[in-house]
Amino acid sequence: MEFCSDQKDCGGKVRVDKVSVGILNVVDWRYVIVEDGNCEVAVEANKFGIDDSDPNSLHISINRNAKVKISVKLVDDYAFFVVNSKDTNSNCKCYLEEVLKIYTRELPAMNYAANTGKQSMFLEKCVLKGKYCTLLLKSKSTEGPGEVIAGITYQIIPADMQYAEVPLAAVSSAYQHKGFGHFLYMELRKRLQNVGVHTIYCWGDKESEGFWVKQKWIKKADLAGCPLSPTSEEHYAFLVVRL
């Protein structure tokens, strides 16, 4: 794969070896994503050209100010699971307890009411009461069940509203800044889009905000126009994610 600047000398060429790519998806006139191989290549530019005539290579011509991001897809060593406290699966309780530990450790402010400072059961209610499902990312292991390393807790509002609610999301500290949060978010995004959901409302506080602002298609929430009531008076919606 190579990226070539559209300047005269084509001096911006960069070659990336040992990369497998799959389906080409042109999102709009200024953004293209190549995925479903062992990596994701995202190109954001006002103008670019694509030559995929050779099945063994992909040539993208871009201007010098374009943004290119290449991310290795973390597929072989990790697996996704959706769990709910109402599930009868024997592993479900264990997974939920692991996710709750991650939330408790990584989102300490969510253990306390924002308006009073008193200890809150917000995390336990979201994870263990059955109202929400949790999409978790777990490492695969040949010697045991593997480790839960990240989770997003959510519920889908009635289909005609096309909304989902996400009160909690976190990555275990040992795995932060390595792309796992985005990996998990993209999986949730794909699953929600497949059932017609186009918007996520995130309840949370400043501890949670950092995760979401790293993703794309995000803006500050307009509470006046929010179709949902807050999950708890102790926490509030701060972001809207457009899928």
C-alpha atoms as a PDB file:
ATOM      1  CA  MET A   1       0.000   0.000   0.000  1.00  0.00           C
ATOM      2  CA  GLU A   2       1.325   3.463  -0.740  1.00  0.00           C
ATOM      3  CA  PHE A   3       0.076   7.006  -0.267  1.00  0.00           C
ATOM      4  CA  CYS A   4       1.269   9.601  -2.755  1.00  0.00           C
ATOM      5  CA  SER A   5       1.025  13.368  -2.471  1.00  0.00           C
ATOM      6  CA  ASP A   6      -0.519  15.019  -5.518  1.00  0.00           C
ATOM      7  CA  GLN A   7       2.316  17.566  -5.638  1.00  0.00           C
ATOM      8  CA  LYS A   8       4.562  17.532  -8.731  1.00  0.00           C
ATOM      9  CA  ASP A   9       7.422  15.551  -7.250  1.00  0.00           C
ATOM     10  CA  CYS A  10       5.150  13.169  -5.388  1.00  0.00           C
ATOM     11  CA  GLY A  11       7.578  13.542  -2.516  1.00  0.00           C
ATOM     12  CA  GLY A  12       4.966  12.691   0.076  1.00  0.00           C
ATOM     13  CA  LYS A  13       4.904   9.008  -0.839  1.00  0.00           C
ATOM     14  CA  VAL A  14       4.851   6.591   2.071  1.00  0.00           C
ATOM     15  CA  ARG A  15       4.908   2.839   1.663  1.00  0.00           C
ATOM     16  CA  VAL A  16       3.395   0.492   4.228  1.00  0.00           C
ATOM     17  CA  ASP A  17       4.430  -3.162   3.960  1.00  0.00           C
ATOM     18  CA  LYS A  18       2.690  -6.281   5.299  1.00  0.00           C
ATOM     19  CA  VAL A  19      -0.779  -4.762   5.407  1.00  0.00           C
ATOM     20  CA  SER A  20      -3.952  -6.569   4.394  1.00  0.00           C
ATOM     21  CA  VAL A  21      -7.003  -4.485   3.525  1.00  0.00           C
ATOM     22  CA  GLY A  22     -10.512  -5.397   2.538  1.00  0.00           C
ATOM     23  CA  ILE A  23     -13.699  -3.546   1.618  1.00  0.00           C
ATOM     24  CA  LEU A  24     -13.419   0.044   0.418  1.00  0.00           C
ATOM     25  CA  ASN A  25     -16.100   2.281   1.876  1.00  0.00           C
ATOM     26  CA  VAL A  26     -16.394   5.882   0.664  1.00  0.00           C
ATOM     27  CA  VAL A  27     -18.293   7.592   3.465  1.00  0.00           C
ATOM     28  CA  ASP A  28     -18.579  10.978   1.790  1.00  0.00           C
ATOM     29  CA  TRP A  29     -16.651  13.249  -0.545  1.00  0.00           C
ATOM     30  CA  ARG A  30     -13.880  13.944   1.943  1.00  0.00           C
ATOM     31  CA  TYR A  31     -13.540  10.770   3.974  1.00  0.00           C
ATOM     32  CA  VAL A  32     -12.669   7.217   2.966  1.00  0.00           C
ATOM     33  CA  ILE A  33     -12.207   4.130   5.118  1.00  0.00           C
ATOM     34  CA  VAL A  34     -10.608   0.844   4.116  1.00  0.00           C
ATOM     35  CA  GLU A  35     -11.345  -1.964   6.533  1.00  0.00           C
ATOM     36  CA  ASP A  36     -12.162  -5.664   7.073  1.00  0.00           C
ATOM     37  CA  GLY A  37      -8.560  -6.757   6.556  1.00  0.00           C
ATOM     38  CA  ASN A  38      -6.052  -6.766   9.411  1.00  0.00           C
ATOM     39  CA  CYS A  39      -6.027  -2.969   9.563  1.00  0.00           C
ATOM     40  CA  GLU A  40      -8.167   0.107   9.080  1.00  0.00           C
ATOM     41  CA  VAL A  41      -6.905   2.957   6.898  1.00  0.00           C
ATOM     42  CA  ALA A  42      -8.745   6.263   7.262  1.00  0.00           C
ATOM     43  CA  VAL A  43      -8.025   9.147   4.859  1.00  0.00           C
ATOM     44  CA  GLU A  44      -9.532  12.586   5.403  1.00  0.00           C
ATOM     45  CA  ALA A  45      -8.924  15.077   2.586  1.00  0.00           C
ATOM     46  CA  ASN A  46     -10.716  17.626   0.426  1.00  0.00           C
ATOM     47  CA  LYS A  47      -9.623  15.704  -2.666  1.00  0.00           C
ATOM     48  CA  PHE A  48      -8.135  12.283  -3.235  1.00  0.00           C
ATOM     49  CA  GLY A  49      -7.858   9.630  -5.904  1.00  0.00           C
ATOM     50  CA  ILE A  50      -8.057   5.856  -5.528  1.00  0.00           C
ATOM     51  CA  ASP A  51      -6.535   3.185  -7.758  1.00  0.00           C
ATOM     52  CA  ASP A  52      -7.426  -0.366  -6.731  1.00  0.00           C
ATOM     53  CA  SER A  53      -6.930  -2.009 -10.128  1.00  0.00           C
ATOM     54  CA  ASP A  54      -4.183  -4.221  -8.708  1.00  0.00           C
ATOM     55  CA  PRO A  55      -5.762  -6.777  -6.322  1.00  0.00           C
ATOM     56  CA  ASN A  56      -2.527  -6.914  -4.337  1.00  0.00           C
ATOM     57  CA  SER A  57      -2.210  -3.191  -3.682  1.00  0.00           C
ATOM     58  CA  LEU A  58      -4.128   0.014  -3.124  1.00  0.00           C
ATOM     59  CA  HIS A  59      -2.907   3.427  -4.304  1.00  0.00           C
ATOM     60  CA  ILE A  60      -4.444   6.565  -2.772  1.00  0.00           C
ATOM     61  CA  SER A  61      -3.349   9.989  -4.049  1.00  0.00           C
ATOM     62  CA  ILE A  62      -3.897  12.788  -1.556  1.00  0.00           C
ATOM     63  CA  ASN A  63      -2.874  16.397  -1.054  1.00  0.00           C
ATOM     64  CA  ARG A  64      -0.150  17.377   1.372  1.00  0.00           C
ATOM     65  CA  ASN A  65      -2.571  18.553   4.089  1.00  0.00           C
ATOM     66  CA  ALA A  66      -4.595  15.336   4.165  1.00  0.00           C
ATOM     67  CA  LYS A  67      -4.868  13.237   7.307  1.00  0.00           C
ATOM     68  CA  VAL A  68      -4.102   9.519   7.137  1.00  0.00           C
ATOM     69  CA  LYS A  69      -4.533   7.119  10.042  1.00  0.00           C
ATOM     70  CA  ILE A  70      -3.565   3.442   9.882  1.00  0.00           C
ATOM     71  CA  SER A  71      -4.777   1.260  12.749  1.00  0.00           C
ATOM     72  CA  VAL A  72      -4.050  -2.426  13.203  1.00  0.00           C
ATOM     73  CA  LYS A  73      -7.288  -4.310  13.712  1.00  0.00           C
ATOM     74  CA  LEU A  74      -7.223  -6.235  16.961  1.00  0.00           C
ATOM     75  CA  VAL A  75      -9.131  -9.339  15.910  1.00  0.00           C
ATOM     76  CA  ASP A  76      -7.327 -12.601  16.569  1.00  0.00           C
ATOM     77  CA  ASP A  77      -6.488 -12.163  20.249  1.00  0.00           C
ATOM     78  CA  TYR A  78      -9.727 -10.573  21.486  1.00  0.00           C
ATOM     79  CA  ALA A  79     -13.457 -11.294  21.488  1.00  0.00           C
ATOM     80  CA  PHE A  80     -16.666  -9.319  22.080  1.00  0.00           C
ATOM     81  CA  PHE A  81     -19.506 -10.429  24.353  1.00  0.00           C
ATOM     82  CA  VAL A  82     -22.859  -8.834  25.186  1.00  0.00           C
ATOM     83  CA  VAL A  83     -23.997  -9.623  28.728  1.00  0.00           C
ATOM     84  CA  ASN A  84     -26.949  -8.734  30.941  1.00  0.00           C
ATOM     85  CA  SER A  85     -27.578  -9.605  34.574  1.00  0.00           C
ATOM     86  CA  LYS A  86     -30.765 -11.435  33.525  1.00  0.00           C
ATOM     87  CA  ASP A  87     -28.745 -13.883  31.429  1.00  0.00           C
ATOM     88  CA  THR A  88     -28.561 -17.454  32.743  1.00  0.00           C
ATOM     89  CA  ASN A  89     -25.117 -18.117  31.260  1.00  0.00           C
ATOM     90  CA  SER A  90     -22.731 -19.224  33.993  1.00  0.00           C
ATOM     91  CA  ASN A  91     -20.012 -16.839  32.790  1.00  0.00           C
ATOM     92  CA  CYS A  92     -22.288 -13.788  32.747  1.00  0.00           C
ATOM     93  CA  LYS A  93     -22.050 -12.995  36.462  1.00  0.00           C
ATOM     94  CA  CYS A  94     -18.263 -13.285  36.379  1.00  0.00           C
ATOM     95  CA  TYR A  95     -18.014 -10.972  33.359  1.00  0.00           C
ATOM     96  CA  LEU A  96     -20.300  -8.374  34.936  1.00  0.00           C
ATOM     97  CA  GLU A  97     -18.300  -8.406  38.159  1.00  0.00           C
ATOM     98  CA  GLU A  98     -15.111  -7.818  36.169  1.00  0.00           C
ATOM     99  CA  VAL A  99     -16.686  -4.939  34.242  1.00  0.00           C
ATOM    100  CA  LEU A 100     -17.979  -3.415  37.481  1.00  0.00           C
ATOM    101  CA  LYS A 101     -14.454  -3.533  38.929  1.00  0.00           C
ATOM    102  CA  ILE A 102     -13.136  -1.701  35.850  1.00  0.00           C
ATOM    103  CA  TYR A 103     -15.821   0.999  36.146  1.00  0.00           C
ATOM    104  CA  THR A 104     -15.207   1.396  39.883  1.00  0.00           C
ATOM    105  CA  ARG A 105     -11.464   1.747  39.343  1.00  0.00           C
ATOM    106  CA  GLU A 106     -11.461   3.911  36.204  1.00  0.00           C
ATOM    107  CA  LEU A 107     -14.531   6.084  36.900  1.00  0.00           C
ATOM    108  CA  PRO A 108     -14.120   6.956  40.601  1.00  0.00           C
ATOM    109  CA  ALA A 109     -16.294  10.067  40.439  1.00  0.00           C
ATOM    110  CA  MET A 110     -19.257   7.960  39.323  1.00  0.00           C
ATOM    111  CA  ASN A 111     -19.264   6.328  42.777  1.00  0.00           C
ATOM    112  CA  TYR A 112     -20.488   9.585  44.285  1.00  0.00           C
ATOM    113  CA  ALA A 113     -23.495  11.799  43.708  1.00  0.00           C
ATOM    114  CA  ALA A 114     -22.506  14.915  41.777  1.00  0.00           C
ATOM    115  CA  ASN A 115     -24.884  17.159  43.723  1.00  0.00           C
ATOM    116  CA  THR A 116     -24.227  15.910  47.287  1.00  0.00           C
ATOM    117  CA  GLY A 117     -20.888  14.097  47.238  1.00  0.00           C
ATOM    118  CA  LYS A 118     -22.458  11.113  48.992  1.00  0.00           C
ATOM    119  CA  GLN A 119     -21.610   7.584  47.930  1.00  0.00           C
ATOM    120  CA  SER A 120     -23.844   6.384  45.101  1.00  0.00           C
ATOM    121  CA  MET A 121     -24.964   2.967  43.854  1.00  0.00           C
ATOM    122  CA  PHE A 122     -25.071   4.281  40.289  1.00  0.00           C
ATOM    123  CA  LEU A 123     -22.461   1.860  38.918  1.00  0.00           C
ATOM    124  CA  GLU A 124     -24.094  -1.197  40.482  1.00  0.00           C
ATOM    125  CA  LYS A 125     -27.553  -0.159  39.265  1.00  0.00           C
ATOM    126  CA  CYS A 126     -26.356   0.236  35.685  1.00  0.00           C
ATOM    127  CA  VAL A 127     -24.404  -3.023  35.540  1.00  0.00           C
ATOM    128  CA  LEU A 128     -26.344  -5.436  37.758  1.00  0.00           C
ATOM    129  CA  LYS A 129     -30.051  -4.520  37.668  1.00  0.00           C
ATOM    130  CA  GLY A 130     -30.830  -5.835  34.177  1.00  0.00           C
ATOM    131  CA  LYS A 131     -31.965  -2.562  32.599  1.00  0.00           C
ATOM    132  CA  TYR A 132     -28.775  -2.221  30.545  1.00  0.00           C
ATOM    133  CA  CYS A 133     -26.657  -4.585  28.475  1.00  0.00           C
ATOM    134  CA  THR A 134     -22.864  -4.403  28.470  1.00  0.00           C
ATOM    135  CA  LEU A 135     -20.685  -4.935  25.422  1.00  0.00           C
ATOM    136  CA  LEU A 136     -17.342  -6.097  26.751  1.00  0.00           C
ATOM    137  CA  LEU A 137     -13.972  -6.758  25.161  1.00  0.00           C
ATOM    138  CA  LYS A 138     -12.159  -9.804  26.469  1.00  0.00           C
ATOM    139  CA  SER A 139      -8.709 -11.171  25.728  1.00  0.00           C
ATOM    140  CA  LYS A 140      -8.531 -14.747  24.496  1.00  0.00           C
ATOM    141  CA  SER A 141      -6.441 -17.237  26.442  1.00  0.00           C
ATOM    142  CA  THR A 142      -5.567 -20.882  25.868  1.00  0.00           C
ATOM    143  CA  GLU A 143      -4.997 -21.376  29.597  1.00  0.00           C
ATOM    144  CA  GLY A 144      -8.164 -19.818  31.029  1.00  0.00           C
ATOM    145  CA  PRO A 145     -11.244 -17.683  30.378  1.00  0.00           C
ATOM    146  CA  GLY A 146      -9.213 -14.588  29.507  1.00  0.00           C
ATOM    147  CA  GLU A 147      -9.406 -11.092  30.953  1.00  0.00           C
ATOM    148  CA  VAL A 148     -12.126  -8.474  30.528  1.00  0.00           C
ATOM    149  CA  ILE A 149     -10.260  -5.332  29.496  1.00  0.00           C
ATOM    150  CA  ALA A 150     -13.023  -2.864  28.533  1.00  0.00           C
ATOM    151  CA  GLY A 151     -16.770  -2.381  28.541  1.00  0.00           C
ATOM    152  CA  ILE A 152     -19.592  -0.138  27.335  1.00  0.00           C
ATOM    153  CA  THR A 153     -22.945  -0.333  29.128  1.00  0.00           C
ATOM    154  CA  TYR A 154     -25.974   0.686  27.064  1.00  0.00           C
ATOM    155  CA  GLN A 155     -29.632   0.225  26.254  1.00  0.00           C
ATOM    156  CA  ILE A 156     -31.506   0.712  22.995  1.00  0.00           C
ATOM    157  CA  ILE A 157     -34.520   3.001  23.283  1.00  0.00           C
ATOM    158  CA  PRO A 158     -37.657   1.948  21.289  1.00  0.00           C
ATOM    159  CA  ALA A 159     -36.748   1.548  17.631  1.00  0.00           C
ATOM    160  CA  ASP A 160     -38.929   4.383  16.367  1.00  0.00           C
ATOM    161  CA  MET A 161     -36.797   6.853  18.350  1.00  0.00           C
ATOM    162  CA  GLN A 162     -33.487   5.613  16.874  1.00  0.00           C
ATOM    163  CA  TYR A 163     -31.599   6.403  20.080  1.00  0.00           C
ATOM    164  CA  ALA A 164     -29.383   4.499  22.482  1.00  0.00           C
ATOM    165  CA  GLU A 165     -28.359   5.463  26.001  1.00  0.00           C
ATOM    166  CA  VAL A 166     -24.831   4.872  27.316  1.00  0.00           C
ATOM    167  CA  PRO A 167     -24.292   5.579  31.018  1.00  0.00           C
ATOM    168  CA  LEU A 168     -20.857   3.945  31.354  1.00  0.00           C
ATOM    169  CA  ALA A 169     -17.769   3.182  29.273  1.00  0.00           C
ATOM    170  CA  ALA A 170     -14.194   2.482  30.366  1.00  0.00           C
ATOM    171  CA  VAL A 171     -10.969   0.668  29.487  1.00  0.00           C
ATOM    172  CA  SER A 172      -8.787  -0.956  32.129  1.00  0.00           C
ATOM    173  CA  SER A 173      -5.770   1.261  32.852  1.00  0.00           C
ATOM    174  CA  ALA A 174      -3.225  -1.329  31.664  1.00  0.00           C
ATOM    175  CA  TYR A 175      -4.820  -1.240  28.197  1.00  0.00           C
ATOM    176  CA  GLN A 176      -5.465   2.479  27.806  1.00  0.00           C
ATOM    177  CA  HIS A 177      -3.882   4.542  24.989  1.00  0.00           C
ATOM    178  CA  LYS A 178      -3.499   1.405  22.843  1.00  0.00           C
ATOM    179  CA  GLY A 179      -6.595   1.673  20.667  1.00  0.00           C
ATOM    180  CA  PHE A 180      -8.827  -0.708  22.636  1.00  0.00           C
ATOM    181  CA  GLY A 181     -11.378   1.970  23.490  1.00  0.00           C
ATOM    182  CA  HIS A 182     -11.838   2.909  19.846  1.00  0.00           C
ATOM    183  CA  PHE A 183     -11.911  -0.785  18.916  1.00  0.00           C
ATOM    184  CA  LEU A 184     -14.796  -1.349  21.349  1.00  0.00           C
ATOM    185  CA  TYR A 185     -16.608   1.823  20.303  1.00  0.00           C
ATOM    186  CA  MET A 186     -16.499   0.869  16.617  1.00  0.00           C
ATOM    187  CA  GLU A 187     -17.983  -2.542  17.418  1.00  0.00           C
ATOM    188  CA  LEU A 188     -20.843  -0.938  19.367  1.00  0.00           C
ATOM    189  CA  ARG A 189     -21.341   1.595  16.578  1.00  0.00           C
ATOM    190  CA  LYS A 190     -21.624  -1.183  13.990  1.00  0.00           C
ATOM    191  CA  ARG A 191     -24.108  -3.159  16.079  1.00  0.00           C
ATOM    192  CA  LEU A 192     -26.298  -0.134  16.768  1.00  0.00           C
ATOM    193  CA  GLN A 193     -26.310   0.984  13.143  1.00  0.00           C
ATOM    194  CA  ASN A 194     -27.412  -2.513  12.123  1.00  0.00           C
ATOM    195  CA  VAL A 195     -30.622  -2.100  14.140  1.00  0.00           C
ATOM    196  CA  GLY A 196     -31.343   1.456  13.006  1.00  0.00           C
ATOM    197  CA  VAL A 197     -29.842   3.445  15.883  1.00  0.00           C
ATOM    198  CA  HIS A 198     -28.262   6.725  14.749  1.00  0.00           C
ATOM    199  CA  THR A 199     -27.643   8.644  17.992  1.00  0.00           C
ATOM    200  CA  ILE A 200     -26.139   7.829  21.395  1.00  0.00           C
ATOM    201  CA  TYR A 201     -26.813   9.946  24.474  1.00  0.00           C
ATOM    202  CA  CYS A 202     -24.047   9.597  27.056  1.00  0.00           C
ATOM    203  CA  TRP A 203     -24.778  10.091  30.731  1.00  0.00           C
ATOM    204  CA  GLY A 204     -21.725  10.737  32.812  1.00  0.00           C
ATOM    205  CA  ASP A 205     -19.293  13.223  34.270  1.00  0.00           C
ATOM    206  CA  LYS A 206     -15.881  14.616  33.396  1.00  0.00           C
ATOM    207  CA  GLU A 207     -14.201  11.294  34.202  1.00  0.00           C
ATOM    208  CA  SER A 208     -16.060   9.741  31.262  1.00  0.00           C
ATOM    209  CA  GLU A 209     -15.734  12.612  28.827  1.00  0.00           C
ATOM    210  CA  GLY A 210     -12.150  11.899  27.773  1.00  0.00           C
ATOM    211  CA  PHE A 211     -13.096   8.557  26.253  1.00  0.00           C
ATOM    212  CA  TRP A 212     -15.855   9.965  24.071  1.00  0.00           C
ATOM    213  CA  VAL A 213     -14.077  13.075  22.819  1.00  0.00           C
ATOM    214  CA  LYS A 214     -11.462  10.821  21.202  1.00  0.00           C
ATOM    215  CA  GLN A 215     -14.143   9.379  18.940  1.00  0.00           C
ATOM    216  CA  LYS A 216     -15.532  11.114  15.849  1.00  0.00           C
ATOM    217  CA  TRP A 217     -19.033  12.462  15.119  1.00  0.00           C
ATOM    218  CA  ILE A 218     -19.466  13.891  18.621  1.00  0.00           C
ATOM    219  CA  LYS A 219     -20.904  17.158  19.883  1.00  0.00           C
ATOM    220  CA  LYS A 220     -21.998  18.626  23.193  1.00  0.00           C
ATOM    221  CA  ALA A 221     -25.451  17.523  24.286  1.00  0.00           C
ATOM    222  CA  ASP A 222     -28.430  19.847  24.046  1.00  0.00           C
ATOM    223  CA  LEU A 223     -30.389  18.785  27.106  1.00  0.00           C
ATOM    224  CA  ALA A 224     -33.395  20.863  26.062  1.00  0.00           C
ATOM    225  CA  GLY A 225     -33.830  18.675  23.001  1.00  0.00           C
ATOM    226  CA  CYS A 226     -32.863  15.393  24.634  1.00  0.00           C
ATOM    227  CA  PRO A 227     -35.625  12.758  24.248  1.00  0.00           C
ATOM    228  CA  LEU A 228     -34.524  10.876  27.379  1.00  0.00           C
ATOM    229  CA  SER A 229     -34.811  11.489  31.078  1.00  0.00           C
ATOM    230  CA  PRO A 230     -31.540  11.256  33.011  1.00  0.00           C
ATOM    231  CA  THR A 231     -30.717   7.790  34.328  1.00  0.00           C
ATOM    232  CA  SER A 232     -30.069   9.401  37.678  1.00  0.00           C
ATOM    233  CA  GLU A 233     -30.441  12.906  39.016  1.00  0.00           C
ATOM    234  CA  GLU A 234     -26.873  12.542  40.232  1.00  0.00           C
ATOM    235  CA  HIS A 235     -25.426  12.420  36.703  1.00  0.00           C
ATOM    236  CA  TYR A 236     -26.156  14.228  33.487  1.00  0.00           C
ATOM    237  CA  ALA A 237     -25.885  13.974  29.705  1.00  0.00           C
ATOM    238  CA  PHE A 238     -22.844  15.755  28.366  1.00  0.00           C
ATOM    239  CA  LEU A 239     -22.324  14.370  24.851  1.00  0.00           C
ATOM    240  CA  VAL A 240     -24.305  13.248  21.839  1.00  0.00           C
ATOM    241  CA  VAL A 241     -22.648  10.728  19.531  1.00  0.00           C
ATOM    242  CA  ARG A 242     -23.914  10.757  15.933  1.00  0.00           C
ATOM    243  CA  LEU A 243     -23.396   7.347  14.352  1.00  0.00           C
END
